[in-house]
Amino acid sequence: MQTPIIKLLSYIVFLVPALSAIRLAKFNHDERQKEDFIGLATPANALFLGFLQFAAEKIPVFYNYWVVIGTAIIFSLLLVSNIPMFSLKFKTFKIKENIPRYILLLLGAILLIAFQFGAFPVIILMYILISLSHLLVTKLHWL
């Protein structure tokens, strides 16, 4: 017999496709998303969730049931959030204009060498953290 919490948690799986559909509809009609994204991009979410099993083989925390559920909820909410996230589109290759992109590409390459497919969830986590850091830096004019 399932406990009420387990029964409730079994419906969380529907958050991902439902909020992904909303995210895609929002993206298609939002004129502000020409260069960067607002909210987590659906392919990034799919990469994260799709490669969790590979990551769990290298990073045991991803085997934890609650970590998987928590990240599925958080990432689903990030899909429809209004948080700006940078894209990997380069207008120029100047370092100063592309610091977040270069950081992600460099660290991502290192992680791919170290963890192979298991690196993708970690790279997506880094992408979110770098986007949030970039947002703070640009909003507060730290650089």
Foldseek 3Di string as FASTA:
>chain_A
DDDPVVVVLVCLVVLLVVLLVVLVVCVVPDPVPPFWGFFDHNVLVCLQLVLLVLLCVVPVVSVDPVVSSVCSVVNSVSSPHRQIFGDLDDPDPDCVVQVLNVVLVVVLVVQCVVRPSSSSNVSSVSRVVSSVVVVVCVVVVVD
